[in-house]
Amino acid sequence: MGCEEKKRFKTKKMVEKFIYEFNKDPLIKEKLVSYWCQRHQVWHVSKESNKRPPKWFEILDRLKNIQK
């Protein structure tokens, strides 16, 4: 599923609450994780097994934030 169809969360707190509620269901086989979408400037969720490696601009953003 591309991120065009994925649910969008404005804050990390909102996405973490959604993930917590989803993952506490004992029948869930794969946990959800969150990731920042640079393209849409929102948080998305994905299955843990689908977690993709960070893209180059995400790595640069992290480095920029570390230097602050």
PDB file of N, CA and C in Angstrom:
ATOM      1  N   MET A   1       0.845  -1.174   0.000  1.00  0.00           N
ATOM      2  CA  MET A   1       0.000   0.000   0.000  1.00  0.00           C
ATOM      3  C   MET A   1       0.890   1.237   0.000  1.00  0.00           C
ATOM      4  N   GLY A   2       0.644   2.150  -0.914  1.00  0.00           N
ATOM      5  CA  GLY A   2       1.392   3.398  -0.950  1.00  0.00           C
ATOM      6  C   GLY A   2       0.907   4.352   0.121  1.00  0.00           C
ATOM      7  N   CYS A   3       1.697   5.351   0.410  1.00  0.00           N
ATOM      8  CA  CYS A   3       1.321   6.244   1.508  1.00  0.00           C
ATOM      9  C   CYS A   3       0.165   7.167   1.139  1.00  0.00           C
ATOM     10  N   GLU A   4      -0.235   7.216  -0.130  1.00  0.00           N
ATOM     11  CA  GLU A   4      -1.412   8.003  -0.516  1.00  0.00           C
ATOM     12  C   GLU A   4      -2.676   7.448   0.157  1.00  0.00           C
ATOM     13  N   GLU A   5      -2.725   6.118   0.325  1.00  0.00           N
ATOM     14  CA  GLU A   5      -3.907   5.477   0.900  1.00  0.00           C
ATOM     15  C   GLU A   5      -3.826   5.317   2.411  1.00  0.00           C
ATOM     16  N   LYS A   6      -2.664   5.574   2.995  1.00  0.00           N
ATOM     17  CA  LYS A   6      -2.485   5.333   4.426  1.00  0.00           C
ATOM     18  C   LYS A   6      -3.087   6.447   5.273  1.00  0.00           C
ATOM     19  N   LYS A   7      -3.476   6.067   6.478  1.00  0.00           N
ATOM     20  CA  LYS A   7      -3.998   7.027   7.440  1.00  0.00           C
ATOM     21  C   LYS A   7      -2.886   7.993   7.822  1.00  0.00           C
ATOM     22  N   ARG A   8      -3.234   9.250   8.031  1.00  0.00           N
ATOM     23  CA  ARG A   8      -2.245  10.284   8.358  1.00  0.00           C
ATOM     24  C   ARG A   8      -2.483  10.815   9.762  1.00  0.00           C
ATOM     25  N   PHE A   9      -1.390  10.971  10.499  1.00  0.00           N
ATOM     26  CA  PHE A   9      -1.444  11.489  11.859  1.00  0.00           C
ATOM     27  C   PHE A   9      -0.569  12.734  11.940  1.00  0.00           C
ATOM     28  N   LYS A  10      -1.098  13.794  12.541  1.00  0.00           N
ATOM     29  CA  LYS A  10      -0.361  15.057  12.602  1.00  0.00           C
ATOM     30  C   LYS A  10       0.750  15.049  13.639  1.00  0.00           C
ATOM     31  N   THR A  11       0.576  14.288  14.710  1.00  0.00           N
ATOM     32  CA  THR A  11       1.584  14.291  15.773  1.00  0.00           C
ATOM     33  C   THR A  11       2.031  12.878  16.110  1.00  0.00           C
ATOM     34  N   LYS A  12       3.220  12.797  16.680  1.00  0.00           N
ATOM     35  CA  LYS A  12       3.764  11.507  17.133  1.00  0.00           C
ATOM     36  C   LYS A  12       2.879  10.931  18.238  1.00  0.00           C
ATOM     37  N   LYS A  13       2.372  11.791  19.102  1.00  0.00           N
ATOM     38  CA  LYS A  13       1.513  11.339  20.201  1.00  0.00           C
ATOM     39  C   LYS A  13       0.239  10.670  19.663  1.00  0.00           C
ATOM     40  N   MET A  14      -0.354  11.253  18.635  1.00  0.00           N
ATOM     41  CA  MET A  14      -1.570  10.682  18.045  1.00  0.00           C
ATOM     42  C   MET A  14      -1.306   9.307  17.444  1.00  0.00           C
ATOM     43  N   VAL A  15      -0.212   9.181  16.704  1.00  0.00           N
ATOM     44  CA  VAL A  15       0.088   7.905  16.056  1.00  0.00           C
ATOM     45  C   VAL A  15       0.462   6.846  17.089  1.00  0.00           C
ATOM     46  N   GLU A  16       1.175   7.242  18.140  1.00  0.00           N
ATOM     47  CA  GLU A  16       1.546   6.274  19.172  1.00  0.00           C
ATOM     48  C   GLU A  16       0.320   5.776  19.935  1.00  0.00           C
ATOM     49  N   LYS A  17      -0.654   6.641  20.162  1.00  0.00           N
ATOM     50  CA  LYS A  17      -1.894   6.213  20.827  1.00  0.00           C
ATOM     51  C   LYS A  17      -2.646   5.210  19.947  1.00  0.00           C
ATOM     52  N   PHE A  18      -2.731   5.497  18.655  1.00  0.00           N
ATOM     53  CA  PHE A  18      -3.388   4.590  17.714  1.00  0.00           C
ATOM     54  C   PHE A  18      -2.699   3.226  17.708  1.00  0.00           C
ATOM     55  N   ILE A  19      -1.367   3.232  17.640  1.00  0.00           N
ATOM     56  CA  ILE A  19      -0.595   1.984  17.614  1.00  0.00           C
ATOM     57  C   ILE A  19      -0.778   1.205  18.907  1.00  0.00           C
ATOM     58  N   TYR A  20      -0.759   1.905  20.033  1.00  0.00           N
ATOM     59  CA  TYR A  20      -0.929   1.239  21.323  1.00  0.00           C
ATOM     60  C   TYR A  20      -2.276   0.515  21.370  1.00  0.00           C
ATOM     61  N   GLU A  21      -3.336   1.213  20.978  1.00  0.00           N
ATOM     62  CA  GLU A  21      -4.676   0.611  20.997  1.00  0.00           C
ATOM     63  C   GLU A  21      -4.761  -0.572  20.029  1.00  0.00           C
ATOM     64  N   PHE A  22      -4.170  -0.437  18.876  1.00  0.00           N
ATOM     65  CA  PHE A  22      -4.196  -1.504  17.873  1.00  0.00           C
ATOM     66  C   PHE A  22      -3.400  -2.717  18.339  1.00  0.00           C
ATOM     67  N   ASN A  23      -2.193  -2.488  18.828  1.00  0.00           N
ATOM     68  CA  ASN A  23      -1.291  -3.584  19.192  1.00  0.00           C
ATOM     69  C   ASN A  23      -1.703  -4.333  20.458  1.00  0.00           C
ATOM     70  N   LYS A  24      -2.561  -3.737  21.283  1.00  0.00           N
ATOM     71  CA  LYS A  24      -2.937  -4.454  22.510  1.00  0.00           C
ATOM     72  C   LYS A  24      -3.989  -5.545  22.260  1.00  0.00           C
ATOM     73  N   ASP A  25      -4.528  -5.609  21.059  1.00  0.00           N
ATOM     74  CA  ASP A  25      -5.454  -6.677  20.691  1.00  0.00           C
ATOM     75  C   ASP A  25      -4.679  -7.997  20.636  1.00  0.00           C
ATOM     76  N   PRO A  26      -5.052  -8.998  21.440  1.00  0.00           N
ATOM     77  CA  PRO A  26      -4.297 -10.257  21.482  1.00  0.00           C
ATOM     78  C   PRO A  26      -4.374 -11.074  20.188  1.00  0.00           C
ATOM     79  N   LEU A  27      -5.322 -10.762  19.322  1.00  0.00           N
ATOM     80  CA  LEU A  27      -5.455 -11.516  18.078  1.00  0.00           C
ATOM     81  C   LEU A  27      -4.596 -10.954  16.941  1.00  0.00           C
ATOM     82  N   ILE A  28      -3.960  -9.835  17.180  1.00  0.00           N
ATOM     83  CA  ILE A  28      -3.099  -9.223  16.160  1.00  0.00           C
ATOM     84  C   ILE A  28      -1.815 -10.035  16.040  1.00  0.00           C
ATOM     85  N   LYS A  29      -1.481 -10.424  14.815  1.00  0.00           N
ATOM     86  CA  LYS A  29      -0.275 -11.234  14.604  1.00  0.00           C
ATOM     87  C   LYS A  29       0.947 -10.378  14.317  1.00  0.00           C
ATOM     88  N   GLU A  30       0.764  -9.267  13.613  1.00  0.00           N
ATOM     89  CA  GLU A  30       1.890  -8.383  13.303  1.00  0.00           C
ATOM     90  C   GLU A  30       1.645  -7.023  13.927  1.00  0.00           C
ATOM     91  N   LYS A  31       2.625  -6.540  14.643  1.00  0.00           N
ATOM     92  CA  LYS A  31       2.521  -5.249  15.312  1.00  0.00           C
ATOM     93  C   LYS A  31       2.682  -4.117  14.301  1.00  0.00           C
ATOM     94  N   LEU A  32       2.097  -2.970  14.636  1.00  0.00           N
ATOM     95  CA  LEU A  32       2.268  -1.773  13.823  1.00  0.00           C
ATOM     96  C   LEU A  32       3.406  -0.929  14.376  1.00  0.00           C
ATOM     97  N   VAL A  33       4.052  -0.194  13.507  1.00  0.00           N
ATOM     98  CA  VAL A  33       5.087   0.770  13.882  1.00  0.00           C
ATOM     99  C   VAL A  33       4.784   2.077  13.145  1.00  0.00           C
ATOM    100  N   SER A  34       5.328   3.168  13.657  1.00  0.00           N
ATOM    101  CA  SER A  34       5.116   4.464  13.015  1.00  0.00           C
ATOM    102  C   SER A  34       6.368   4.901  12.278  1.00  0.00           C
ATOM    103  N   TYR A  35       6.159   5.765  11.303  1.00  0.00           N
ATOM    104  CA  TYR A  35       7.296   6.390  10.614  1.00  0.00           C
ATOM    105  C   TYR A  35       6.867   7.751  10.089  1.00  0.00           C
ATOM    106  N   TRP A  36       7.833   8.655  10.015  1.00  0.00           N
ATOM    107  CA  TRP A  36       7.592  10.002   9.524  1.00  0.00           C
ATOM    108  C   TRP A  36       7.646  10.001   8.000  1.00  0.00           C
ATOM    109  N   CYS A  37       6.640  10.594   7.374  1.00  0.00           N
ATOM    110  CA  CYS A  37       6.591  10.708   5.916  1.00  0.00           C
ATOM    111  C   CYS A  37       6.999  12.130   5.538  1.00  0.00           C
ATOM    112  N   GLN A  38       8.179  12.252   5.014  1.00  0.00           N
ATOM    113  CA  GLN A  38       8.701  13.561   4.616  1.00  0.00           C
ATOM    114  C   GLN A  38       7.847  14.162   3.493  1.00  0.00           C
ATOM    115  N   ARG A  39       7.358  13.327   2.630  1.00  0.00           N
ATOM    116  CA  ARG A  39       6.567  13.785   1.484  1.00  0.00           C
ATOM    117  C   ARG A  39       5.278  14.481   1.912  1.00  0.00           C
ATOM    118  N   HIS A  40       4.572  13.892   2.884  1.00  0.00           N
ATOM    119  CA  HIS A  40       3.292  14.441   3.326  1.00  0.00           C
ATOM    120  C   HIS A  40       3.387  15.239   4.624  1.00  0.00           C
ATOM    121  N   GLN A  41       4.554  15.205   5.269  1.00  0.00           N
ATOM    122  CA  GLN A  41       4.764  15.906   6.543  1.00  0.00           C
ATOM    123  C   GLN A  41       3.777  15.430   7.613  1.00  0.00           C
ATOM    124  N   VAL A  42       3.578  14.107   7.667  1.00  0.00           N
ATOM    125  CA  VAL A  42       2.699  13.473   8.654  1.00  0.00           C
ATOM    126  C   VAL A  42       3.316  12.148   9.086  1.00  0.00           C
ATOM    127  N   TRP A  43       2.713  11.544  10.097  1.00  0.00           N
ATOM    128  CA  TRP A  43       3.103  10.210  10.549  1.00  0.00           C
ATOM    129  C   TRP A  43       2.180   9.192   9.907  1.00  0.00           C
ATOM    130  N   HIS A  44       2.749   8.060   9.509  1.00  0.00           N
ATOM    131  CA  HIS A  44       1.993   6.923   8.989  1.00  0.00           C
ATOM    132  C   HIS A  44       2.278   5.713   9.874  1.00  0.00           C
ATOM    133  N   VAL A  45       1.456   4.667   9.708  1.00  0.00           N
ATOM    134  CA  VAL A  45       1.717   3.391  10.375  1.00  0.00           C
ATOM    135  C   VAL A  45       1.942   2.321   9.320  1.00  0.00           C
ATOM    136  N   SER A  46       2.692   1.314   9.718  1.00  0.00           N
ATOM    137  CA  SER A  46       3.002   0.202   8.824  1.00  0.00           C
ATOM    138  C   SER A  46       3.208  -1.040   9.668  1.00  0.00           C
ATOM    139  N   LYS A  47       3.057  -2.194   9.042  1.00  0.00           N
ATOM    140  CA  LYS A  47       3.384  -3.435   9.746  1.00  0.00           C
ATOM    141  C   LYS A  47       4.874  -3.461  10.027  1.00  0.00           C
ATOM    142  N   GLU A  48       5.240  -4.048  11.142  1.00  0.00           N
ATOM    143  CA  GLU A  48       6.646  -4.087  11.539  1.00  0.00           C
ATOM    144  C   GLU A  48       7.513  -4.742  10.467  1.00  0.00           C
ATOM    145  N   SER A  49       6.996  -5.773   9.813  1.00  0.00           N
ATOM    146  CA  SER A  49       7.781  -6.480   8.798  1.00  0.00           C
ATOM    147  C   SER A  49       7.971  -5.650   7.526  1.00  0.00           C
ATOM    148  N   ASN A  50       7.137  -4.629   7.344  1.00  0.00           N
ATOM    149  CA  ASN A  50       7.236  -3.775   6.156  1.00  0.00           C
ATOM    150  C   ASN A  50       8.090  -2.538   6.389  1.00  0.00           C
ATOM    151  N   LYS A  51       8.659  -2.422   7.565  1.00  0.00           N
ATOM    152  CA  LYS A  51       9.418  -1.212   7.876  1.00  0.00           C
ATOM    153  C   LYS A  51      10.576  -1.084   6.890  1.00  0.00           C
ATOM    154  N   ARG A  52      10.568  -0.006   6.181  1.00  0.00           N
ATOM    155  CA  ARG A  52      11.571   0.208   5.140  1.00  0.00           C
ATOM    156  C   ARG A  52      12.785   0.934   5.703  1.00  0.00           C
ATOM    157  N   PRO A  53      13.918   0.789   5.053  1.00  0.00           N
ATOM    158  CA  PRO A  53      15.090   1.544   5.501  1.00  0.00           C
ATOM    159  C   PRO A  53      14.875   3.031   5.234  1.00  0.00           C
ATOM    160  N   PRO A  54      15.466   3.897   6.044  1.00  0.00           N
ATOM    161  CA  PRO A  54      15.263   5.338   5.845  1.00  0.00           C
ATOM    162  C   PRO A  54      15.864   5.812   4.525  1.00  0.00           C
ATOM    163  N   LYS A  55      15.218   6.781   3.936  1.00  0.00           N
ATOM    164  CA  LYS A  55      15.732   7.369   2.701  1.00  0.00           C
ATOM    165  C   LYS A  55      16.779   8.417   3.052  1.00  0.00           C
ATOM    166  N   TRP A  56      17.565   8.816   2.082  1.00  0.00           N
ATOM    167  CA  TRP A  56      18.702   9.698   2.338  1.00  0.00           C
ATOM    168  C   TRP A  56      18.279  11.002   2.995  1.00  0.00           C
ATOM    169  N   PHE A  57      17.132  11.583   2.592  1.00  0.00           N
ATOM    170  CA  PHE A  57      16.729  12.861   3.178  1.00  0.00           C
ATOM    171  C   PHE A  57      16.291  12.695   4.630  1.00  0.00           C
ATOM    172  N   GLU A  58      15.771  11.515   4.981  1.00  0.00           N
ATOM    173  CA  GLU A  58      15.410  11.260   6.375  1.00  0.00           C
ATOM    174  C   GLU A  58      16.659  11.169   7.240  1.00  0.00           C
ATOM    175  N   ILE A  59      17.698  10.554   6.710  1.00  0.00           N
ATOM    176  CA  ILE A  59      18.966  10.452   7.436  1.00  0.00           C
ATOM    177  C   ILE A  59      19.553  11.843   7.647  1.00  0.00           C
ATOM    178  N   LEU A  60      19.511  12.693   6.621  1.00  0.00           N
ATOM    179  CA  LEU A  60      20.022  14.057   6.756  1.00  0.00           C
ATOM    180  C   LEU A  60      19.227  14.859   7.786  1.00  0.00           C
ATOM    181  N   ASP A  61      17.906  14.687   7.807  1.00  0.00           N
ATOM    182  CA  ASP A  61      17.085  15.376   8.806  1.00  0.00           C
ATOM    183  C   ASP A  61      17.459  14.951  10.218  1.00  0.00           C
ATOM    184  N   ARG A  62      17.688  13.669  10.416  1.00  0.00           N
ATOM    185  CA  ARG A  62      18.087  13.182  11.742  1.00  0.00           C
ATOM    186  C   ARG A  62      19.425  13.769  12.157  1.00  0.00           C
ATOM    187  N   LEU A  63      20.372  13.808  11.231  1.00  0.00           N
ATOM    188  CA  LEU A  63      21.684  14.382  11.531  1.00  0.00           C
ATOM    189  C   LEU A  63      21.571  15.868  11.859  1.00  0.00           C
ATOM    190  N   LYS A  64      20.729  16.567  11.130  1.00  0.00           N
ATOM    191  CA  LYS A  64      20.524  17.994  11.379  1.00  0.00           C
ATOM    192  C   LYS A  64      19.963  18.215  12.788  1.00  0.00           C
ATOM    193  N   ASN A  65      19.012  17.375  13.191  1.00  0.00           N
ATOM    194  CA  ASN A  65      18.407  17.504  14.518  1.00  0.00           C
ATOM    195  C   ASN A  65      19.388  17.161  15.628  1.00  0.00           C
ATOM    196  N   ILE A  66      20.305  16.254  15.377  1.00  0.00           N
ATOM    197  CA  ILE A  66      21.316  15.889  16.376  1.00  0.00           C
ATOM    198  C   ILE A  66      22.257  17.058  16.617  1.00  0.00           C
ATOM    199  N   GLN A  67      22.594  17.783  15.564  1.00  0.00           N
ATOM    200  CA  GLN A  67      23.547  18.881  15.669  1.00  0.00           C
ATOM    201  C   GLN A  67      22.962  20.103  16.363  1.00  0.00           C
ATOM    202  N   LYS A  68      21.661  20.197  16.494  1.00  0.00           N
ATOM    203  CA  LYS A  68      21.025  21.364  17.143  1.00  0.00           C
ATOM    204  C   LYS A  68      21.240  21.367  18.627  1.00  0.00           C
TER     205      LYS A  68
END
